[in-house]
Structures are given as structure tokens and as C-alpha cells.
Protein backbone atom coordinates (compact mmCIF):
# COMPACT_ATOMS: atom_id res chain seq x y z
CA MET A 1 125.86 93.06 94.71
CA LYS A 2 123.06 93.92 92.26
CA SER A 3 123.40 92.70 89.03
CA ARG A 4 123.62 94.63 85.59
CA ALA A 5 120.36 94.11 84.47
CA VAL A 6 118.54 95.32 87.68
CA ILE A 7 120.62 98.96 87.68
CA PRO A 8 119.84 100.13 84.34
CA VAL A 9 115.90 99.55 85.19
CA ALA A 10 115.97 101.20 88.63
CA ALA A 11 117.82 104.02 86.89
CA LEU A 12 115.85 104.54 83.79
CA CYS A 13 112.31 104.51 86.06
CA ALA A 14 114.14 107.15 88.25
CA LEU A 15 114.50 109.01 84.96
CA LEU A 16 111.46 108.36 83.33
CA GLY A 17 109.70 109.19 86.58
CA ALA A 18 112.04 112.71 87.12
CA GLY A 19 110.86 113.91 83.47
CA VAL A 20 107.21 113.07 83.65
CA PHE A 21 106.76 114.67 86.97
CA SER A 22 108.61 117.96 85.50
CA TRP A 23 106.60 117.78 82.42
CA TRP A 24 103.21 117.22 84.76
CA LYS A 25 104.37 120.30 86.79
CA ALA A 26 104.64 122.96 84.32
CA ARG A 27 101.07 121.58 82.46
CA ALA A 28 99.00 121.12 85.48
CA THR A 29 97.90 124.17 87.91
CA PRO A 30 98.70 123.96 91.47
CA PRO A 31 95.75 121.95 93.61
CA PRO A 32 93.78 123.85 96.02
CA PRO A 33 96.04 123.56 99.67
CA GLY A 34 94.73 122.60 102.78
CA PRO A 35 93.80 119.13 104.46
CA ALA A 36 91.01 117.34 104.16
CA VAL A 37 87.40 118.22 105.15
CA THR A 38 84.03 117.02 106.06
CA THR A 39 81.62 117.23 103.27
CA ALA A 40 78.07 116.80 103.20
CA SER A 41 76.69 114.42 100.13
CA PRO A 42 73.04 113.97 100.33
CA THR A 43 72.73 111.64 97.42
CA SER A 44 75.11 109.51 99.09
CA ALA A 45 74.05 106.02 100.35
CA PRO A 46 74.70 106.06 104.21
CA PRO A 47 76.67 102.94 105.91
CA PRO A 48 75.19 99.98 107.40
CA ARG A 49 73.03 100.80 110.38
CA SER A 50 73.16 98.95 113.45
CA GLY A 51 71.05 96.23 112.20
CA VAL A 52 73.04 95.04 109.53
CA ALA A 53 75.56 92.38 111.02
CA VAL A 54 78.85 94.00 110.73
CA PRO A 55 81.78 92.38 112.67
CA ARG A 56 83.11 93.89 115.64
CA THR A 57 86.54 94.23 116.68
CA PRO A 58 87.68 93.77 120.41
CA PRO A 59 88.87 96.83 122.17
CA PRO A 60 92.91 97.63 121.96
CA ALA A 61 94.88 95.38 123.98
CA PRO A 62 95.83 96.69 127.40
CA GLY A 63 98.29 99.45 127.62
CA ALA A 64 96.43 101.07 124.81
CA VAL A 65 96.58 104.98 124.56
CA ASP A 66 93.72 106.81 126.47
CA ALA A 67 91.97 108.55 123.46
CA GLU A 68 91.75 111.72 125.05
CA ALA A 69 95.33 111.84 126.31
CA PRO A 70 97.82 114.08 124.82
CA LEU A 71 99.24 112.34 122.06
CA PRO A 72 103.28 112.68 121.23
CA PRO A 73 104.60 114.48 118.63
CA MET A 74 104.02 113.19 115.16
CA PRO A 75 106.22 110.54 113.83
CA HIS A 76 109.23 111.31 111.52
CA SER A 77 107.70 109.74 108.63
CA LEU A 78 104.60 112.42 108.74
CA GLN A 79 106.16 115.16 110.02
CA ASP A 80 105.71 118.21 107.40
CA THR A 81 103.15 116.78 105.70
CA GLU A 82 99.58 117.04 105.06
CA GLU A 83 96.65 114.87 106.31
CA ASP A 84 95.24 112.46 103.35
CA GLY A 85 91.90 111.48 102.62
CA ALA A 86 88.54 113.12 103.96
CA VAL A 87 85.33 112.15 105.49
CA ARG A 88 82.20 112.57 104.07
CA VAL A 89 78.47 112.42 105.58
CA ASP A 90 75.20 112.18 103.88
CA ALA A 91 72.04 114.79 104.72
CA SER A 92 70.88 112.52 107.56
CA GLY A 93 74.24 112.90 109.29
CA HIS A 94 75.51 109.31 108.54
CA LEU A 95 78.67 107.92 107.27
CA VAL A 96 79.38 107.91 103.48
CA VAL A 97 82.37 105.07 103.12
CA THR A 98 84.68 105.90 100.48
CA PRO A 99 87.98 105.29 99.53
CA ASP A 100 89.17 108.58 100.58
CA LEU A 101 88.08 107.68 104.27
CA ARG A 102 90.46 104.58 103.93
CA ARG A 103 93.19 107.12 102.63
CA LEU A 104 92.94 108.88 106.03
CA PHE A 105 93.16 105.70 107.74
CA ASP A 106 96.28 104.57 105.65
CA TYR A 107 98.00 107.93 106.05
CA TYR A 108 98.30 107.52 109.68
CA LEU A 109 98.78 103.82 109.76
CA SER A 110 101.95 104.33 107.35
CA ALA A 111 103.77 105.36 110.47
CA THR A 112 103.53 101.47 111.94
CA GLY A 113 106.61 100.36 113.30
CA GLU A 114 107.35 103.94 114.38
CA GLU A 115 105.25 103.95 116.94
CA ASP A 116 102.16 101.58 118.57
CA LEU A 117 99.11 100.96 117.21
CA SER A 118 97.23 102.07 119.84
CA VAL A 119 98.86 105.50 119.13
CA ILE A 120 97.95 105.35 115.50
CA ARG A 121 94.46 104.47 116.60
CA ALA A 122 94.24 107.28 118.91
CA ARG A 123 95.71 109.95 116.26
CA ILE A 124 92.86 108.52 113.89
CA LEU A 125 90.39 109.23 116.50
CA ALA A 126 91.67 112.61 117.03
CA SER A 127 91.46 113.50 113.45
CA LEU A 128 87.93 112.30 113.56
CA ARG A 129 86.96 114.29 116.61
CA ALA A 130 88.63 117.62 115.03
CA LYS A 131 85.96 117.09 112.04
CA ASP A 132 83.11 117.50 114.11
CA LEU A 133 80.86 114.87 112.89
CA PRO A 134 77.48 114.24 113.72
CA ALA A 135 77.58 111.77 116.55
CA SER A 136 75.84 108.83 114.33
CA ALA A 137 78.81 109.35 111.72
CA MET A 138 81.22 109.37 114.51
CA ASP A 139 80.07 106.09 115.94
CA GLU A 140 80.12 104.48 112.68
CA ALA A 141 83.43 105.73 112.19
CA VAL A 142 84.91 104.70 114.94
CA ARG A 143 83.29 100.98 114.44
CA LEU A 144 84.77 101.03 110.71
CA LEU A 145 88.10 101.75 112.00
CA ASP A 146 88.31 98.72 114.21
CA ASP A 147 87.04 96.62 111.52
CA TYR A 148 89.46 97.96 109.35
CA LEU A 149 92.36 97.50 111.63
CA ALA A 150 91.01 93.99 112.10
CA TYR A 151 90.60 93.59 108.36
CA ARG A 152 94.64 94.49 107.86
CA ASP A 153 95.66 92.02 110.53
CA ALA A 154 94.14 89.04 108.92
CA ALA A 155 95.44 90.33 105.86
CA ARG A 156 98.86 90.20 107.00
CA THR A 157 98.27 86.56 108.27
CA PHE A 158 96.75 85.67 104.69
CA ALA A 159 99.51 86.96 102.74
CA ALA A 160 102.33 85.20 105.48
CA ASN A 161 100.19 81.91 104.88
CA GLN A 162 100.14 82.43 100.55
CA ARG A 163 103.55 82.83 100.45
CA GLY A 164 104.82 79.79 98.37
CA ALA A 165 101.43 78.39 97.75
CA GLU A 166 100.80 77.85 93.82
CA GLN A 167 97.44 79.94 93.38
CA ASP A 168 96.80 82.28 90.10
CA LEU A 169 96.63 85.87 90.79
CA GLY A 170 92.71 85.94 89.94
CA ALA A 171 92.26 83.47 93.00
CA ARG A 172 94.45 85.66 95.57
CA LEU A 173 92.28 88.65 94.56
CA GLU A 174 89.10 86.56 95.04
CA SER A 175 90.29 85.30 98.55
CA LEU A 176 91.16 88.58 99.43
CA LYS A 177 87.61 89.80 98.25
CA GLU A 178 85.86 87.50 101.08
CA LEU A 179 88.25 88.41 103.60
CA ARG A 180 87.38 91.89 103.48
CA ARG A 181 83.48 90.95 103.15
CA GLU A 182 84.21 88.87 106.39
CA HIS A 183 85.61 91.65 108.17
CA LEU A 184 83.88 94.93 106.95
CA GLY A 185 80.74 93.79 106.01
CA PRO A 186 79.00 95.77 103.49
CA TRP A 187 81.28 98.56 104.20
CA ALA A 188 84.02 96.65 102.02
CA ASP A 189 82.08 97.87 99.02
CA GLY A 190 82.86 101.57 99.71
CA LEU A 191 86.48 101.15 100.82
CA PHE A 192 87.38 98.46 97.98
CA GLY A 193 84.95 98.21 95.53
CA GLU A 194 86.43 100.79 92.64
CA GLU A 195 89.80 98.92 93.41
CA GLU A 196 88.31 95.62 92.87
CA GLN A 197 86.89 96.42 89.70
CA VAL A 198 90.30 97.80 88.67
CA ASP A 199 92.13 94.41 89.64
CA ALA A 200 89.57 92.31 87.86
CA VAL A 201 89.90 94.11 84.74
CA ALA A 202 93.71 93.70 85.24
CA VAL A 203 93.33 89.72 85.44
CA GLU A 204 91.06 89.64 82.64
CA ARG A 205 93.45 91.79 80.55
CA MET A 206 96.50 89.25 81.62
CA LYS A 207 94.54 86.36 80.05
CA LEU A 208 93.57 88.05 76.71
CA GLU A 209 97.05 88.91 76.53
CA LYS A 210 98.11 85.26 76.47
CA ASP A 211 95.26 83.48 74.83
CA THR A 212 96.83 82.91 71.41
CA ALA A 213 93.94 81.92 69.71
CA LEU A 214 92.66 85.50 69.42
CA THR A 215 93.51 87.19 66.11
CA PRO A 216 95.03 90.64 67.08
CA GLU A 217 91.71 92.72 66.15
CA GLU A 218 89.83 90.35 68.24
CA ARG A 219 91.93 91.02 70.95
CA ALA A 220 92.04 94.71 70.69
CA ARG A 221 88.18 94.35 70.38
CA ARG A 222 87.71 92.82 73.85
CA LEU A 223 90.70 94.49 75.40
CA ALA A 224 88.35 97.87 74.61
CA GLU A 225 85.25 96.29 76.37
CA LEU A 226 87.51 95.58 79.14
CA ASP A 227 88.47 99.25 79.66
CA ASP A 228 84.74 100.44 79.66
CA LYS A 229 84.18 98.00 82.74
CA LEU A 230 86.57 100.32 84.66
CA PRO A 231 85.43 103.15 86.73
CA ASP A 232 84.91 106.40 85.53
CA THR A 233 87.23 108.10 88.05
CA TYR A 234 89.96 105.68 87.58
CA ARG A 235 89.88 106.04 83.91
CA ALA A 236 89.71 109.92 83.91
CA SER A 237 92.66 109.94 86.68
CA ARG A 238 94.78 107.42 84.24
CA ASP A 239 94.19 109.70 80.95
CA GLU A 240 95.18 112.40 83.26
CA ALA A 241 98.38 110.67 83.89
CA LEU A 242 99.01 109.45 80.82
CA ARG A 243 98.53 113.11 79.11
CA PRO A 244 101.98 114.32 79.69
CA LEU A 245 103.37 111.30 78.17
CA GLN A 246 101.29 111.55 74.87
CA GLN A 247 101.81 115.33 74.61
CA GLN A 248 105.62 114.46 74.87
CA ALA A 249 105.60 111.87 71.82
CA VAL A 250 103.55 114.20 69.93
CA GLU A 251 106.28 116.98 70.18
CA ARG A 252 109.04 114.66 69.44
CA GLU A 253 107.21 113.87 66.25
CA LEU A 254 106.86 117.36 65.33
CA GLN A 255 110.59 117.96 65.76
CA GLU A 256 111.34 115.02 63.82
CA SER A 257 109.49 115.97 61.12
CA GLY A 258 111.32 119.21 60.77
CA ALA A 259 108.78 121.65 63.00
CA THR A 260 110.40 124.70 63.73
CA ALA A 261 110.28 126.46 67.51
CA GLU A 262 107.25 128.82 66.53
CA ASP A 263 105.41 125.47 65.37
CA LEU A 264 106.17 124.01 68.63
CA ARG A 265 105.48 127.02 70.51
CA GLN A 266 101.48 127.20 68.63
CA HIS A 267 100.90 123.41 69.06
CA ARG A 268 101.32 124.03 72.82
CA LEU A 269 99.59 127.19 72.74
CA ALA A 270 96.60 125.30 71.10
CA THR A 271 96.48 122.29 73.37
CA VAL A 272 97.87 123.07 76.99
CA GLY A 273 97.27 126.95 77.00
CA PRO A 274 99.80 130.17 77.28
CA GLU A 275 100.31 129.75 81.02
CA ALA A 276 101.78 125.96 80.52
CA THR A 277 103.35 127.04 77.47
CA GLU A 278 105.42 129.59 79.19
CA ARG A 279 106.24 127.05 81.86
CA LEU A 280 107.20 124.29 79.03
CA GLU A 281 109.54 126.85 77.56
CA ALA A 282 111.15 127.78 80.51
CA MET A 283 111.78 124.14 81.42
CA ASP A 284 113.08 123.51 77.81
CA ARG A 285 115.55 126.40 78.68
CA GLU A 286 116.34 124.38 82.02
CA GLU A 287 116.65 121.25 80.16
CA ALA A 288 119.38 122.84 77.61
CA ASP A 289 121.49 123.99 80.52
CA TRP A 290 121.29 120.77 82.08
CA LYS A 291 122.66 118.95 78.82
CA ARG A 292 125.29 121.55 78.35
CA ARG A 293 126.70 121.23 82.23
CA LEU A 294 126.35 117.63 81.72
CA THR A 295 128.35 117.58 78.66
CA ASP A 296 130.93 120.08 80.38
CA PHE A 297 131.10 117.81 83.50
CA ARG A 298 131.81 114.50 81.43
CA ALA A 299 134.17 115.94 79.67
CA ARG A 300 136.19 117.41 82.69
CA ARG A 301 135.52 114.28 84.10
CA GLU A 302 137.46 112.42 81.71
CA ALA A 303 140.05 114.72 81.55
CA LEU A 304 140.73 113.95 85.65
CA ARG A 305 140.80 110.13 84.39
CA GLN A 306 143.52 110.67 81.87
CA SER A 307 145.70 112.76 84.05
CA GLU A 308 145.27 111.61 87.60
CA GLN A 309 147.19 108.34 87.45
CA ASP A 310 146.52 107.20 91.54
CA PRO A 311 143.20 105.42 91.52
CA THR A 312 142.19 107.00 94.84
CA ALA A 313 143.29 110.62 94.02
CA ARG A 314 141.71 110.35 90.83
CA GLN A 315 138.10 108.75 92.45
CA ALA A 316 138.52 111.83 95.11
CA ALA A 317 138.78 114.46 92.24
CA VAL A 318 135.55 112.85 90.14
CA GLN A 319 133.62 113.18 93.20
CA ARG A 320 134.71 116.77 94.36
CA LEU A 321 133.43 117.57 90.58
CA LEU A 322 130.39 115.96 90.83
CA PHE A 323 129.45 117.61 93.98
CA ASP A 324 130.71 121.20 92.81
CA THR A 325 128.64 121.04 89.32
CA PHE A 326 125.29 119.45 90.40
CA SER A 327 123.07 119.35 93.34
CA PRO A 328 121.83 116.61 94.82
CA GLU A 329 118.85 115.67 92.98
CA GLU A 330 120.70 116.37 89.65
CA ARG A 331 123.57 113.86 91.11
CA LEU A 332 121.24 111.16 91.41
CA ARG A 333 120.21 111.83 87.99
CA VAL A 334 123.98 111.63 86.47
CA GLU A 335 124.46 108.63 88.52
CA ALA A 336 121.37 107.13 86.43
CA LEU A 337 122.73 108.27 83.38
CA ASP A 338 125.90 106.92 84.24
CA ALA A 339 124.27 103.39 85.17
CA ILE A 340 122.36 103.34 81.85
CA ASP A 341 125.44 104.14 79.73
CA ALA A 342 127.49 101.10 81.67
CA ALA A 343 124.43 98.84 80.84
CA ASN A 344 124.76 99.47 77.13
CA ALA A 345 128.36 99.66 76.84
CA PRO A 346 129.58 96.80 74.39
């Protein structure tokens, strides 16, 4: 049975996630449709050439799927989804190794356990062939894929061996970094370089937070310096993700200070534009309707609890009321709110 401390945290995460996503859906413009495509990147450096020593992976074990054979239907977890990631080549037709390429590999590898690794590898190769890559880029992509598969296998072994070992986070990340270079050579920087920068900053932040010898001002200054070490792309995506929370906080302050509905509308027009303002106002109306229905449901539920003496019949009646009043997604929200209320009850 889950403890009372676990349920409220999970419930709160569900509520916060749903709320922020809904706000962001109204704020953002729809992304362009379509799967990942092959693009040219003339200024990007090509991956290691054949003269660079990059560890090679043995061919798949006997029984592997023929790369040219028809593939079985997509596994259940990937059905009705779009391929993630992208493949890029430079002006000379060589592969540009980026995190997007790793995301493409991981999209298909997420089905590990549903189908054999040889089938997954064949799917990735089919995806690469469909992009009509230059011969040199295709050869490099295949070699990188096999080296990446070998790295993943080694990383699983590494993780299993580390269970129970006393090693701080920084040392574990450094060991993982070395493992990547061992299996991927210079390609590791393209696949994991930005992630490793973020990890290194996170480790240093943890140290600063625990350093009791620092004054608050000194800690804030050094944390700001650490933030400057983050990749520009990471900072941009992080700030974009935090913007809905910041906008919501400002709106709450405006409302608490006595701002009128027109004041709030003018603030939104100035910060997010007219189209997002209209969507946010529509969401406000939906939220008001949700609160009204929730209040009505709870009142009717309490009446059932008071009037129905038989526990089994009472529970069945409450469940019918819940299913008749809310959609499946809304029922999850009701259950999360109930869990929070139960945890906060005296």
C-alpha cells in the first residue's frame, strides 16, 4: 500500500503538469507538422573519417533480421506516433552527429522489450535509407548506430555494477562520460556533449547549495556564473518552458492586487498577443465551468454518503456519479484533488 506521503506528491505532480501544459497549449503556436527530415548543414564539422580510431561493434548475433526483408508491423508503443529526431549532413556529404540523431535512434529503441533488438536495428536502418543519405553519410550512420548499441549495452552493465556502490553523482557521471568515449570515440561529443555540460553544471549547483561557508550573495553570484556555462539551446528551451509559470505568477499577483478582468486582458495582450489572449480567456471559461461542476459533484457525492447507509451501494452510487459527471481525464483530476485533500486533512 502506498504511503500517504507518496500519493499527494504524485497527485500534485499530475495537477501541476496538466495545468502548465494547458496554459502552454494556449500560449504557443502549433509546431510545424511532419516527420524528421534530412537537412544540409554546410558549416557543421563532419564526423570522424575512416582514419579516426572509433570502436567497432560486432555484427548482430545469428538470427538477426535481414536488413532488406519486410519489417513486421510497428510495435504497439510506436503505433500512431511520429518519428522523433533528425539526420543532418554537411556540404561534403558526411554525417553531422547531433543529439537529434540520438533521438532518432532512441525513438525506435524505446520499443526494447516489445521486439527483438535486431528488428529495432532493422527499423532504424530502414529509416536512414528512406532519407536518401549520401553514401558516406549512410556508412557513417550505420557505424555510429552499431557503436551506440554497444555503448547502451555497456551502460546497462555499468549501471548494474554500480548498484549499492558508494560513489557520488559527479564520479558516476564522469565514469559514464569515459564509457561513452570508449565506445563512441569523438562521436560522443556530438551525441552527449550538451547533456554532459548540463550534468556538470547540475553537480556544481548541488555543491554550492550545500556549501554553508558561502554567504547568500556569494552563492547567488556563483550560481549565476554557473548558469552562463549552460548551452545556449538548453537555456533557451528552459526559459521557454518556465515562461507559462512566470506568466501565471504575474497574473495571480495582478488579481490579488485588485486588478480587473480588463486589466488582466490588457496585460495578456501586451505579453502574449491577441490570439493567445483569446485562447487563455476560453480556458478561463473552461476552468470556471470545471470548478462549478466539481463543486456540484462534491455536494451531490456528500449527499449520497449521508443518505445511503449500505457501504457497497454507497460506493457504487458515488462511482456512477463520478463517471456520469466527468471525462476519463477529468476523473483523474478529481482523484488527484481528493488525494491532496485527504493528505491535508487533520
